[in-house]
Amino acid sequence: MKGEQIANINNTKVVEAHGYYDVY
């Protein structure tokens, strides 16, 4: 689609939320 960016598949982040660690 127009305006969408291709993702960097190696870009990750761990976020702590409600006592768990989520991987995005």
PDBML (XML) file of the C-alpha atoms, coordinates in Angstrom:
<?xml version="1.0" encoding="UTF-8" ?>
<PDBx:datablock datablockName="MODEL"
   xmlns:PDBx="http://pdbml.pdb.org/schema/pdbx-v50.xsd"
   xmlns:xsi="http://www.w3.org/2001/XMLSchema-instance"
   xsi:schemaLocation="http://pdbml.pdb.org/schema/pdbx-v50.xsd pdbx-v50.xsd">
   <PDBx:atom_siteCategory>
      <PDBx:atom_site id="1">
         <PDBx:B_iso_or_equiv>0.00</PDBx:B_iso_or_equiv>
         <PDBx:Cartn_x>0.000</PDBx:Cartn_x>
         <PDBx:Cartn_y>0.000</PDBx:Cartn_y>
         <PDBx:Cartn_z>0.000</PDBx:Cartn_z>
         <PDBx:auth_asym_id>A</PDBx:auth_asym_id>
         <PDBx:auth_atom_id>CA</PDBx:auth_atom_id>
         <PDBx:auth_comp_id>MET</PDBx:auth_comp_id>
         <PDBx:auth_seq_id>1</PDBx:auth_seq_id>
         <PDBx:group_PDB>ATOM</PDBx:group_PDB>
         <PDBx:label_alt_id xsi:nil="true" />
         <PDBx:label_asym_id>A</PDBx:label_asym_id>
         <PDBx:label_atom_id>CA</PDBx:label_atom_id>
         <PDBx:label_comp_id>MET</PDBx:label_comp_id>
         <PDBx:label_entity_id>1</PDBx:label_entity_id>
         <PDBx:label_seq_id>1</PDBx:label_seq_id>
         <PDBx:occupancy>1.00</PDBx:occupancy>
         <PDBx:pdbx_PDB_model_num>1</PDBx:pdbx_PDB_model_num>
         <PDBx:type_symbol>C</PDBx:type_symbol>
      </PDBx:atom_site>
      <PDBx:atom_site id="2">
         <PDBx:B_iso_or_equiv>0.00</PDBx:B_iso_or_equiv>
         <PDBx:Cartn_x>1.064</PDBx:Cartn_x>
         <PDBx:Cartn_y>3.558</PDBx:Cartn_y>
         <PDBx:Cartn_z>-0.640</PDBx:Cartn_z>
         <PDBx:auth_asym_id>A</PDBx:auth_asym_id>
         <PDBx:auth_atom_id>CA</PDBx:auth_atom_id>
         <PDBx:auth_comp_id>LYS</PDBx:auth_comp_id>
         <PDBx:auth_seq_id>2</PDBx:auth_seq_id>
         <PDBx:group_PDB>ATOM</PDBx:group_PDB>
         <PDBx:label_alt_id xsi:nil="true" />
         <PDBx:label_asym_id>A</PDBx:label_asym_id>
         <PDBx:label_atom_id>CA</PDBx:label_atom_id>
         <PDBx:label_comp_id>LYS</PDBx:label_comp_id>
         <PDBx:label_entity_id>1</PDBx:label_entity_id>
         <PDBx:label_seq_id>2</PDBx:label_seq_id>
         <PDBx:occupancy>1.00</PDBx:occupancy>
         <PDBx:pdbx_PDB_model_num>1</PDBx:pdbx_PDB_model_num>
         <PDBx:type_symbol>C</PDBx:type_symbol>
      </PDBx:atom_site>
      <PDBx:atom_site id="3">
         <PDBx:B_iso_or_equiv>0.00</PDBx:B_iso_or_equiv>
         <PDBx:Cartn_x>2.917</PDBx:Cartn_x>
         <PDBx:Cartn_y>5.181</PDBx:Cartn_y>
         <PDBx:Cartn_z>2.240</PDBx:Cartn_z>
         <PDBx:auth_asym_id>A</PDBx:auth_asym_id>
         <PDBx:auth_atom_id>CA</PDBx:auth_atom_id>
         <PDBx:auth_comp_id>GLY</PDBx:auth_comp_id>
         <PDBx:auth_seq_id>3</PDBx:auth_seq_id>
         <PDBx:group_PDB>ATOM</PDBx:group_PDB>
         <PDBx:label_alt_id xsi:nil="true" />
         <PDBx:label_asym_id>A</PDBx:label_asym_id>
         <PDBx:label_atom_id>CA</PDBx:label_atom_id>
         <PDBx:label_comp_id>GLY</PDBx:label_comp_id>
         <PDBx:label_entity_id>1</PDBx:label_entity_id>
         <PDBx:label_seq_id>3</PDBx:label_seq_id>
         <PDBx:occupancy>1.00</PDBx:occupancy>
         <PDBx:pdbx_PDB_model_num>1</PDBx:pdbx_PDB_model_num>
         <PDBx:type_symbol>C</PDBx:type_symbol>
      </PDBx:atom_site>
      <PDBx:atom_site id="4">
         <PDBx:B_iso_or_equiv>0.00</PDBx:B_iso_or_equiv>
         <PDBx:Cartn_x>3.682</PDBx:Cartn_x>
         <PDBx:Cartn_y>1.940</PDBx:Cartn_y>
         <PDBx:Cartn_z>4.088</PDBx:Cartn_z>
         <PDBx:auth_asym_id>A</PDBx:auth_asym_id>
         <PDBx:auth_atom_id>CA</PDBx:auth_atom_id>
         <PDBx:auth_comp_id>GLU</PDBx:auth_comp_id>
         <PDBx:auth_seq_id>4</PDBx:auth_seq_id>
         <PDBx:group_PDB>ATOM</PDBx:group_PDB>
         <PDBx:label_alt_id xsi:nil="true" />
         <PDBx:label_asym_id>A</PDBx:label_asym_id>
         <PDBx:label_atom_id>CA</PDBx:label_atom_id>
         <PDBx:label_comp_id>GLU</PDBx:label_comp_id>
         <PDBx:label_entity_id>1</PDBx:label_entity_id>
         <PDBx:label_seq_id>4</PDBx:label_seq_id>
         <PDBx:occupancy>1.00</PDBx:occupancy>
         <PDBx:pdbx_PDB_model_num>1</PDBx:pdbx_PDB_model_num>
         <PDBx:type_symbol>C</PDBx:type_symbol>
      </PDBx:atom_site>
      <PDBx:atom_site id="5">
         <PDBx:B_iso_or_equiv>0.00</PDBx:B_iso_or_equiv>
         <PDBx:Cartn_x>7.248</PDBx:Cartn_x>
         <PDBx:Cartn_y>1.322</PDBx:Cartn_y>
         <PDBx:Cartn_z>5.155</PDBx:Cartn_z>
         <PDBx:auth_asym_id>A</PDBx:auth_asym_id>
         <PDBx:auth_atom_id>CA</PDBx:auth_atom_id>
         <PDBx:auth_comp_id>GLN</PDBx:auth_comp_id>
         <PDBx:auth_seq_id>5</PDBx:auth_seq_id>
         <PDBx:group_PDB>ATOM</PDBx:group_PDB>
         <PDBx:label_alt_id xsi:nil="true" />
         <PDBx:label_asym_id>A</PDBx:label_asym_id>
         <PDBx:label_atom_id>CA</PDBx:label_atom_id>
         <PDBx:label_comp_id>GLN</PDBx:label_comp_id>
         <PDBx:label_entity_id>1</PDBx:label_entity_id>
         <PDBx:label_seq_id>5</PDBx:label_seq_id>
         <PDBx:occupancy>1.00</PDBx:occupancy>
         <PDBx:pdbx_PDB_model_num>1</PDBx:pdbx_PDB_model_num>
         <PDBx:type_symbol>C</PDBx:type_symbol>
      </PDBx:atom_site>
      <PDBx:atom_site id="6">
         <PDBx:B_iso_or_equiv>0.00</PDBx:B_iso_or_equiv>
         <PDBx:Cartn_x>8.998</PDBx:Cartn_x>
         <PDBx:Cartn_y>-2.024</PDBx:Cartn_y>
         <PDBx:Cartn_z>4.914</PDBx:Cartn_z>
         <PDBx:auth_asym_id>A</PDBx:auth_asym_id>
         <PDBx:auth_atom_id>CA</PDBx:auth_atom_id>
         <PDBx:auth_comp_id>ILE</PDBx:auth_comp_id>
         <PDBx:auth_seq_id>6</PDBx:auth_seq_id>
         <PDBx:group_PDB>ATOM</PDBx:group_PDB>
         <PDBx:label_alt_id xsi:nil="true" />
         <PDBx:label_asym_id>A</PDBx:label_asym_id>
         <PDBx:label_atom_id>CA</PDBx:label_atom_id>
         <PDBx:label_comp_id>ILE</PDBx:label_comp_id>
         <PDBx:label_entity_id>1</PDBx:label_entity_id>
         <PDBx:label_seq_id>6</PDBx:label_seq_id>
         <PDBx:occupancy>1.00</PDBx:occupancy>
         <PDBx:pdbx_PDB_model_num>1</PDBx:pdbx_PDB_model_num>
         <PDBx:type_symbol>C</PDBx:type_symbol>
      </PDBx:atom_site>
      <PDBx:atom_site id="7">
         <PDBx:B_iso_or_equiv>0.00</PDBx:B_iso_or_equiv>
         <PDBx:Cartn_x>9.791</PDBx:Cartn_x>
         <PDBx:Cartn_y>-3.348</PDBx:Cartn_y>
         <PDBx:Cartn_z>8.397</PDBx:Cartn_z>
         <PDBx:auth_asym_id>A</PDBx:auth_asym_id>
         <PDBx:auth_atom_id>CA</PDBx:auth_atom_id>
         <PDBx:auth_comp_id>ALA</PDBx:auth_comp_id>
         <PDBx:auth_seq_id>7</PDBx:auth_seq_id>
         <PDBx:group_PDB>ATOM</PDBx:group_PDB>
         <PDBx:label_alt_id xsi:nil="true" />
         <PDBx:label_asym_id>A</PDBx:label_asym_id>
         <PDBx:label_atom_id>CA</PDBx:label_atom_id>
         <PDBx:label_comp_id>ALA</PDBx:label_comp_id>
         <PDBx:label_entity_id>1</PDBx:label_entity_id>
         <PDBx:label_seq_id>7</PDBx:label_seq_id>
         <PDBx:occupancy>1.00</PDBx:occupancy>
         <PDBx:pdbx_PDB_model_num>1</PDBx:pdbx_PDB_model_num>
         <PDBx:type_symbol>C</PDBx:type_symbol>
      </PDBx:atom_site>
      <PDBx:atom_site id="8">
         <PDBx:B_iso_or_equiv>0.00</PDBx:B_iso_or_equiv>
         <PDBx:Cartn_x>13.265</PDBx:Cartn_x>
         <PDBx:Cartn_y>-4.206</PDBx:Cartn_y>
         <PDBx:Cartn_z>9.577</PDBx:Cartn_z>
         <PDBx:auth_asym_id>A</PDBx:auth_asym_id>
         <PDBx:auth_atom_id>CA</PDBx:auth_atom_id>
         <PDBx:auth_comp_id>ASN</PDBx:auth_comp_id>
         <PDBx:auth_seq_id>8</PDBx:auth_seq_id>
         <PDBx:group_PDB>ATOM</PDBx:group_PDB>
         <PDBx:label_alt_id xsi:nil="true" />
         <PDBx:label_asym_id>A</PDBx:label_asym_id>
         <PDBx:label_atom_id>CA</PDBx:label_atom_id>
         <PDBx:label_comp_id>ASN</PDBx:label_comp_id>
         <PDBx:label_entity_id>1</PDBx:label_entity_id>
         <PDBx:label_seq_id>8</PDBx:label_seq_id>
         <PDBx:occupancy>1.00</PDBx:occupancy>
         <PDBx:pdbx_PDB_model_num>1</PDBx:pdbx_PDB_model_num>
         <PDBx:type_symbol>C</PDBx:type_symbol>
      </PDBx:atom_site>
      <PDBx:atom_site id="9">
         <PDBx:B_iso_or_equiv>0.00</PDBx:B_iso_or_equiv>
         <PDBx:Cartn_x>12.649</PDBx:Cartn_x>
         <PDBx:Cartn_y>-7.808</PDBx:Cartn_y>
         <PDBx:Cartn_z>10.656</PDBx:Cartn_z>
         <PDBx:auth_asym_id>A</PDBx:auth_asym_id>
         <PDBx:auth_atom_id>CA</PDBx:auth_atom_id>
         <PDBx:auth_comp_id>ILE</PDBx:auth_comp_id>
         <PDBx:auth_seq_id>9</PDBx:auth_seq_id>
         <PDBx:group_PDB>ATOM</PDBx:group_PDB>
         <PDBx:label_alt_id xsi:nil="true" />
         <PDBx:label_asym_id>A</PDBx:label_asym_id>
         <PDBx:label_atom_id>CA</PDBx:label_atom_id>
         <PDBx:label_comp_id>ILE</PDBx:label_comp_id>
         <PDBx:label_entity_id>1</PDBx:label_entity_id>
         <PDBx:label_seq_id>9</PDBx:label_seq_id>
         <PDBx:occupancy>1.00</PDBx:occupancy>
         <PDBx:pdbx_PDB_model_num>1</PDBx:pdbx_PDB_model_num>
         <PDBx:type_symbol>C</PDBx:type_symbol>
      </PDBx:atom_site>
      <PDBx:atom_site id="10">
         <PDBx:B_iso_or_equiv>0.00</PDBx:B_iso_or_equiv>
         <PDBx:Cartn_x>15.575</PDBx:Cartn_x>
         <PDBx:Cartn_y>-7.609</PDBx:Cartn_y>
         <PDBx:Cartn_z>13.110</PDBx:Cartn_z>
         <PDBx:auth_asym_id>A</PDBx:auth_asym_id>
         <PDBx:auth_atom_id>CA</PDBx:auth_atom_id>
         <PDBx:auth_comp_id>ASN</PDBx:auth_comp_id>
         <PDBx:auth_seq_id>10</PDBx:auth_seq_id>
         <PDBx:group_PDB>ATOM</PDBx:group_PDB>
         <PDBx:label_alt_id xsi:nil="true" />
         <PDBx:label_asym_id>A</PDBx:label_asym_id>
         <PDBx:label_atom_id>CA</PDBx:label_atom_id>
         <PDBx:label_comp_id>ASN</PDBx:label_comp_id>
         <PDBx:label_entity_id>1</PDBx:label_entity_id>
         <PDBx:label_seq_id>10</PDBx:label_seq_id>
         <PDBx:occupancy>1.00</PDBx:occupancy>
         <PDBx:pdbx_PDB_model_num>1</PDBx:pdbx_PDB_model_num>
         <PDBx:type_symbol>C</PDBx:type_symbol>
      </PDBx:atom_site>
      <PDBx:atom_site id="11">
         <PDBx:B_iso_or_equiv>0.00</PDBx:B_iso_or_equiv>
         <PDBx:Cartn_x>14.206</PDBx:Cartn_x>
         <PDBx:Cartn_y>-4.639</PDBx:Cartn_y>
         <PDBx:Cartn_z>15.048</PDBx:Cartn_z>
         <PDBx:auth_asym_id>A</PDBx:auth_asym_id>
         <PDBx:auth_atom_id>CA</PDBx:auth_atom_id>
         <PDBx:auth_comp_id>ASN</PDBx:auth_comp_id>
         <PDBx:auth_seq_id>11</PDBx:auth_seq_id>
         <PDBx:group_PDB>ATOM</PDBx:group_PDB>
         <PDBx:label_alt_id xsi:nil="true" />
         <PDBx:label_asym_id>A</PDBx:label_asym_id>
         <PDBx:label_atom_id>CA</PDBx:label_atom_id>
         <PDBx:label_comp_id>ASN</PDBx:label_comp_id>
         <PDBx:label_entity_id>1</PDBx:label_entity_id>
         <PDBx:label_seq_id>11</PDBx:label_seq_id>
         <PDBx:occupancy>1.00</PDBx:occupancy>
         <PDBx:pdbx_PDB_model_num>1</PDBx:pdbx_PDB_model_num>
         <PDBx:type_symbol>C</PDBx:type_symbol>
      </PDBx:atom_site>
      <PDBx:atom_site id="12">
         <PDBx:B_iso_or_equiv>0.00</PDBx:B_iso_or_equiv>
         <PDBx:Cartn_x>12.930</PDBx:Cartn_x>
         <PDBx:Cartn_y>-6.006</PDBx:Cartn_y>
         <PDBx:Cartn_z>18.375</PDBx:Cartn_z>
         <PDBx:auth_asym_id>A</PDBx:auth_asym_id>
         <PDBx:auth_atom_id>CA</PDBx:auth_atom_id>
         <PDBx:auth_comp_id>THR</PDBx:auth_comp_id>
         <PDBx:auth_seq_id>12</PDBx:auth_seq_id>
         <PDBx:group_PDB>ATOM</PDBx:group_PDB>
         <PDBx:label_alt_id xsi:nil="true" />
         <PDBx:label_asym_id>A</PDBx:label_asym_id>
         <PDBx:label_atom_id>CA</PDBx:label_atom_id>
         <PDBx:label_comp_id>THR</PDBx:label_comp_id>
         <PDBx:label_entity_id>1</PDBx:label_entity_id>
         <PDBx:label_seq_id>12</PDBx:label_seq_id>
         <PDBx:occupancy>1.00</PDBx:occupancy>
         <PDBx:pdbx_PDB_model_num>1</PDBx:pdbx_PDB_model_num>
         <PDBx:type_symbol>C</PDBx:type_symbol>
      </PDBx:atom_site>
      <PDBx:atom_site id="13">
         <PDBx:B_iso_or_equiv>0.00</PDBx:B_iso_or_equiv>
         <PDBx:Cartn_x>12.140</PDBx:Cartn_x>
         <PDBx:Cartn_y>-4.633</PDBx:Cartn_y>
         <PDBx:Cartn_z>21.805</PDBx:Cartn_z>
         <PDBx:auth_asym_id>A</PDBx:auth_asym_id>
         <PDBx:auth_atom_id>CA</PDBx:auth_atom_id>
         <PDBx:auth_comp_id>LYS</PDBx:auth_comp_id>
         <PDBx:auth_seq_id>13</PDBx:auth_seq_id>
         <PDBx:group_PDB>ATOM</PDBx:group_PDB>
         <PDBx:label_alt_id xsi:nil="true" />
         <PDBx:label_asym_id>A</PDBx:label_asym_id>
         <PDBx:label_atom_id>CA</PDBx:label_atom_id>
         <PDBx:label_comp_id>LYS</PDBx:label_comp_id>
         <PDBx:label_entity_id>1</PDBx:label_entity_id>
         <PDBx:label_seq_id>13</PDBx:label_seq_id>
         <PDBx:occupancy>1.00</PDBx:occupancy>
         <PDBx:pdbx_PDB_model_num>1</PDBx:pdbx_PDB_model_num>
         <PDBx:type_symbol>C</PDBx:type_symbol>
      </PDBx:atom_site>
      <PDBx:atom_site id="14">
         <PDBx:B_iso_or_equiv>0.00</PDBx:B_iso_or_equiv>
         <PDBx:Cartn_x>11.300</PDBx:Cartn_x>
         <PDBx:Cartn_y>-6.170</PDBx:Cartn_y>
         <PDBx:Cartn_z>25.188</PDBx:Cartn_z>
         <PDBx:auth_asym_id>A</PDBx:auth_asym_id>
         <PDBx:auth_atom_id>CA</PDBx:auth_atom_id>
         <PDBx:auth_comp_id>VAL</PDBx:auth_comp_id>
         <PDBx:auth_seq_id>14</PDBx:auth_seq_id>
         <PDBx:group_PDB>ATOM</PDBx:group_PDB>
         <PDBx:label_alt_id xsi:nil="true" />
         <PDBx:label_asym_id>A</PDBx:label_asym_id>
         <PDBx:label_atom_id>CA</PDBx:label_atom_id>
         <PDBx:label_comp_id>VAL</PDBx:label_comp_id>
         <PDBx:label_entity_id>1</PDBx:label_entity_id>
         <PDBx:label_seq_id>14</PDBx:label_seq_id>
         <PDBx:occupancy>1.00</PDBx:occupancy>
         <PDBx:pdbx_PDB_model_num>1</PDBx:pdbx_PDB_model_num>
         <PDBx:type_symbol>C</PDBx:type_symbol>
      </PDBx:atom_site>
      <PDBx:atom_site id="15">
         <PDBx:B_iso_or_equiv>0.00</PDBx:B_iso_or_equiv>
         <PDBx:Cartn_x>8.726</PDBx:Cartn_x>
         <PDBx:Cartn_y>-4.202</PDBx:Cartn_y>
         <PDBx:Cartn_z>27.191</PDBx:Cartn_z>
         <PDBx:auth_asym_id>A</PDBx:auth_asym_id>
         <PDBx:auth_atom_id>CA</PDBx:auth_atom_id>
         <PDBx:auth_comp_id>VAL</PDBx:auth_comp_id>
         <PDBx:auth_seq_id>15</PDBx:auth_seq_id>
         <PDBx:group_PDB>ATOM</PDBx:group_PDB>
         <PDBx:label_alt_id xsi:nil="true" />
         <PDBx:label_asym_id>A</PDBx:label_asym_id>
         <PDBx:label_atom_id>CA</PDBx:label_atom_id>
         <PDBx:label_comp_id>VAL</PDBx:label_comp_id>
         <PDBx:label_entity_id>1</PDBx:label_entity_id>
         <PDBx:label_seq_id>15</PDBx:label_seq_id>
         <PDBx:occupancy>1.00</PDBx:occupancy>
         <PDBx:pdbx_PDB_model_num>1</PDBx:pdbx_PDB_model_num>
         <PDBx:type_symbol>C</PDBx:type_symbol>
      </PDBx:atom_site>
      <PDBx:atom_site id="16">
         <PDBx:B_iso_or_equiv>0.00</PDBx:B_iso_or_equiv>
         <PDBx:Cartn_x>7.723</PDBx:Cartn_x>
         <PDBx:Cartn_y>-4.898</PDBx:Cartn_y>
         <PDBx:Cartn_z>30.816</PDBx:Cartn_z>
         <PDBx:auth_asym_id>A</PDBx:auth_asym_id>
         <PDBx:auth_atom_id>CA</PDBx:auth_atom_id>
         <PDBx:auth_comp_id>GLU</PDBx:auth_comp_id>
         <PDBx:auth_seq_id>16</PDBx:auth_seq_id>
         <PDBx:group_PDB>ATOM</PDBx:group_PDB>
         <PDBx:label_alt_id xsi:nil="true" />
         <PDBx:label_asym_id>A</PDBx:label_asym_id>
         <PDBx:label_atom_id>CA</PDBx:label_atom_id>
         <PDBx:label_comp_id>GLU</PDBx:label_comp_id>
         <PDBx:label_entity_id>1</PDBx:label_entity_id>
         <PDBx:label_seq_id>16</PDBx:label_seq_id>
         <PDBx:occupancy>1.00</PDBx:occupancy>
         <PDBx:pdbx_PDB_model_num>1</PDBx:pdbx_PDB_model_num>
         <PDBx:type_symbol>C</PDBx:type_symbol>
      </PDBx:atom_site>
      <PDBx:atom_site id="17">
         <PDBx:B_iso_or_equiv>0.00</PDBx:B_iso_or_equiv>
         <PDBx:Cartn_x>3.977</PDBx:Cartn_x>
         <PDBx:Cartn_y>-4.716</PDBx:Cartn_y>
         <PDBx:Cartn_z>31.350</PDBx:Cartn_z>
         <PDBx:auth_asym_id>A</PDBx:auth_asym_id>
         <PDBx:auth_atom_id>CA</PDBx:auth_atom_id>
         <PDBx:auth_comp_id>ALA</PDBx:auth_comp_id>
         <PDBx:auth_seq_id>17</PDBx:auth_seq_id>
         <PDBx:group_PDB>ATOM</PDBx:group_PDB>
         <PDBx:label_alt_id xsi:nil="true" />
         <PDBx:label_asym_id>A</PDBx:label_asym_id>
         <PDBx:label_atom_id>CA</PDBx:label_atom_id>
         <PDBx:label_comp_id>ALA</PDBx:label_comp_id>
         <PDBx:label_entity_id>1</PDBx:label_entity_id>
         <PDBx:label_seq_id>17</PDBx:label_seq_id>
         <PDBx:occupancy>1.00</PDBx:occupancy>
         <PDBx:pdbx_PDB_model_num>1</PDBx:pdbx_PDB_model_num>
         <PDBx:type_symbol>C</PDBx:type_symbol>
      </PDBx:atom_site>
      <PDBx:atom_site id="18">
         <PDBx:B_iso_or_equiv>0.00</PDBx:B_iso_or_equiv>
         <PDBx:Cartn_x>1.832</PDBx:Cartn_x>
         <PDBx:Cartn_y>-6.011</PDBx:Cartn_y>
         <PDBx:Cartn_z>34.218</PDBx:Cartn_z>
         <PDBx:auth_asym_id>A</PDBx:auth_asym_id>
         <PDBx:auth_atom_id>CA</PDBx:auth_atom_id>
         <PDBx:auth_comp_id>HIS</PDBx:auth_comp_id>
         <PDBx:auth_seq_id>18</PDBx:auth_seq_id>
         <PDBx:group_PDB>ATOM</PDBx:group_PDB>
         <PDBx:label_alt_id xsi:nil="true" />
         <PDBx:label_asym_id>A</PDBx:label_asym_id>
         <PDBx:label_atom_id>CA</PDBx:label_atom_id>
         <PDBx:label_comp_id>HIS</PDBx:label_comp_id>
         <PDBx:label_entity_id>1</PDBx:label_entity_id>
         <PDBx:label_seq_id>18</PDBx:label_seq_id>
         <PDBx:occupancy>1.00</PDBx:occupancy>
         <PDBx:pdbx_PDB_model_num>1</PDBx:pdbx_PDB_model_num>
         <PDBx:type_symbol>C</PDBx:type_symbol>
      </PDBx:atom_site>
      <PDBx:atom_site id="19">
         <PDBx:B_iso_or_equiv>0.00</PDBx:B_iso_or_equiv>
         <PDBx:Cartn_x>4.537</PDBx:Cartn_x>
         <PDBx:Cartn_y>-8.303</PDBx:Cartn_y>
         <PDBx:Cartn_z>35.558</PDBx:Cartn_z>
         <PDBx:auth_asym_id>A</PDBx:auth_asym_id>
         <PDBx:auth_atom_id>CA</PDBx:auth_atom_id>
         <PDBx:auth_comp_id>GLY</PDBx:auth_comp_id>
         <PDBx:auth_seq_id>19</PDBx:auth_seq_id>
         <PDBx:group_PDB>ATOM</PDBx:group_PDB>
         <PDBx:label_alt_id xsi:nil="true" />
         <PDBx:label_asym_id>A</PDBx:label_asym_id>
         <PDBx:label_atom_id>CA</PDBx:label_atom_id>
         <PDBx:label_comp_id>GLY</PDBx:label_comp_id>
         <PDBx:label_entity_id>1</PDBx:label_entity_id>
         <PDBx:label_seq_id>19</PDBx:label_seq_id>
         <PDBx:occupancy>1.00</PDBx:occupancy>
         <PDBx:pdbx_PDB_model_num>1</PDBx:pdbx_PDB_model_num>
         <PDBx:type_symbol>C</PDBx:type_symbol>
      </PDBx:atom_site>
      <PDBx:atom_site id="20">
         <PDBx:B_iso_or_equiv>0.00</PDBx:B_iso_or_equiv>
         <PDBx:Cartn_x>5.365</PDBx:Cartn_x>
         <PDBx:Cartn_y>-9.871</PDBx:Cartn_y>
         <PDBx:Cartn_z>32.189</PDBx:Cartn_z>
         <PDBx:auth_asym_id>A</PDBx:auth_asym_id>
         <PDBx:auth_atom_id>CA</PDBx:auth_atom_id>
         <PDBx:auth_comp_id>TYR</PDBx:auth_comp_id>
         <PDBx:auth_seq_id>20</PDBx:auth_seq_id>
         <PDBx:group_PDB>ATOM</PDBx:group_PDB>
         <PDBx:label_alt_id xsi:nil="true" />
         <PDBx:label_asym_id>A</PDBx:label_asym_id>
         <PDBx:label_atom_id>CA</PDBx:label_atom_id>
         <PDBx:label_comp_id>TYR</PDBx:label_comp_id>
         <PDBx:label_entity_id>1</PDBx:label_entity_id>
         <PDBx:label_seq_id>20</PDBx:label_seq_id>
         <PDBx:occupancy>1.00</PDBx:occupancy>
         <PDBx:pdbx_PDB_model_num>1</PDBx:pdbx_PDB_model_num>
         <PDBx:type_symbol>C</PDBx:type_symbol>
      </PDBx:atom_site>
      <PDBx:atom_site id="21">
         <PDBx:B_iso_or_equiv>0.00</PDBx:B_iso_or_equiv>
         <PDBx:Cartn_x>7.987</PDBx:Cartn_x>
         <PDBx:Cartn_y>-9.127</PDBx:Cartn_y>
         <PDBx:Cartn_z>29.558</PDBx:Cartn_z>
         <PDBx:auth_asym_id>A</PDBx:auth_asym_id>
         <PDBx:auth_atom_id>CA</PDBx:auth_atom_id>
         <PDBx:auth_comp_id>TYR</PDBx:auth_comp_id>
         <PDBx:auth_seq_id>21</PDBx:auth_seq_id>
         <PDBx:group_PDB>ATOM</PDBx:group_PDB>
         <PDBx:label_alt_id xsi:nil="true" />
         <PDBx:label_asym_id>A</PDBx:label_asym_id>
         <PDBx:label_atom_id>CA</PDBx:label_atom_id>
         <PDBx:label_comp_id>TYR</PDBx:label_comp_id>
         <PDBx:label_entity_id>1</PDBx:label_entity_id>
         <PDBx:label_seq_id>21</PDBx:label_seq_id>
         <PDBx:occupancy>1.00</PDBx:occupancy>
         <PDBx:pdbx_PDB_model_num>1</PDBx:pdbx_PDB_model_num>
         <PDBx:type_symbol>C</PDBx:type_symbol>
      </PDBx:atom_site>
      <PDBx:atom_site id="22">
         <PDBx:B_iso_or_equiv>0.00</PDBx:B_iso_or_equiv>
         <PDBx:Cartn_x>6.525</PDBx:Cartn_x>
         <PDBx:Cartn_y>-8.772</PDBx:Cartn_y>
         <PDBx:Cartn_z>26.085</PDBx:Cartn_z>
         <PDBx:auth_asym_id>A</PDBx:auth_asym_id>
         <PDBx:auth_atom_id>CA</PDBx:auth_atom_id>
         <PDBx:auth_comp_id>ASP</PDBx:auth_comp_id>
         <PDBx:auth_seq_id>22</PDBx:auth_seq_id>
         <PDBx:group_PDB>ATOM</PDBx:group_PDB>
         <PDBx:label_alt_id xsi:nil="true" />
         <PDBx:label_asym_id>A</PDBx:label_asym_id>
         <PDBx:label_atom_id>CA</PDBx:label_atom_id>
         <PDBx:label_comp_id>ASP</PDBx:label_comp_id>
         <PDBx:label_entity_id>1</PDBx:label_entity_id>
         <PDBx:label_seq_id>22</PDBx:label_seq_id>
         <PDBx:occupancy>1.00</PDBx:occupancy>
         <PDBx:pdbx_PDB_model_num>1</PDBx:pdbx_PDB_model_num>
         <PDBx:type_symbol>C</PDBx:type_symbol>
      </PDBx:atom_site>
      <PDBx:atom_site id="23">
         <PDBx:B_iso_or_equiv>0.00</PDBx:B_iso_or_equiv>
         <PDBx:Cartn_x>8.580</PDBx:Cartn_x>
         <PDBx:Cartn_y>-9.132</PDBx:Cartn_y>
         <PDBx:Cartn_z>22.915</PDBx:Cartn_z>
         <PDBx:auth_asym_id>A</PDBx:auth_asym_id>
         <PDBx:auth_atom_id>CA</PDBx:auth_atom_id>
         <PDBx:auth_comp_id>VAL</PDBx:auth_comp_id>
         <PDBx:auth_seq_id>23</PDBx:auth_seq_id>
         <PDBx:group_PDB>ATOM</PDBx:group_PDB>
         <PDBx:label_alt_id xsi:nil="true" />
         <PDBx:label_asym_id>A</PDBx:label_asym_id>
         <PDBx:label_atom_id>CA</PDBx:label_atom_id>
         <PDBx:label_comp_id>VAL</PDBx:label_comp_id>
         <PDBx:label_entity_id>1</PDBx:label_entity_id>
         <PDBx:label_seq_id>23</PDBx:label_seq_id>
         <PDBx:occupancy>1.00</PDBx:occupancy>
         <PDBx:pdbx_PDB_model_num>1</PDBx:pdbx_PDB_model_num>
         <PDBx:type_symbol>C</PDBx:type_symbol>
      </PDBx:atom_site>
      <PDBx:atom_site id="24">
         <PDBx:B_iso_or_equiv>0.00</PDBx:B_iso_or_equiv>
         <PDBx:Cartn_x>7.624</PDBx:Cartn_x>
         <PDBx:Cartn_y>-6.763</PDBx:Cartn_y>
         <PDBx:Cartn_z>20.107</PDBx:Cartn_z>
         <PDBx:auth_asym_id>A</PDBx:auth_asym_id>
         <PDBx:auth_atom_id>CA</PDBx:auth_atom_id>
         <PDBx:auth_comp_id>TYR</PDBx:auth_comp_id>
         <PDBx:auth_seq_id>24</PDBx:auth_seq_id>
         <PDBx:group_PDB>ATOM</PDBx:group_PDB>
         <PDBx:label_alt_id xsi:nil="true" />
         <PDBx:label_asym_id>A</PDBx:label_asym_id>
         <PDBx:label_atom_id>CA</PDBx:label_atom_id>
         <PDBx:label_comp_id>TYR</PDBx:label_comp_id>
         <PDBx:label_entity_id>1</PDBx:label_entity_id>
         <PDBx:label_seq_id>24</PDBx:label_seq_id>
         <PDBx:occupancy>1.00</PDBx:occupancy>
         <PDBx:pdbx_PDB_model_num>1</PDBx:pdbx_PDB_model_num>
         <PDBx:type_symbol>C</PDBx:type_symbol>
      </PDBx:atom_site>
   </PDBx:atom_siteCategory>
</PDBx:datablock>
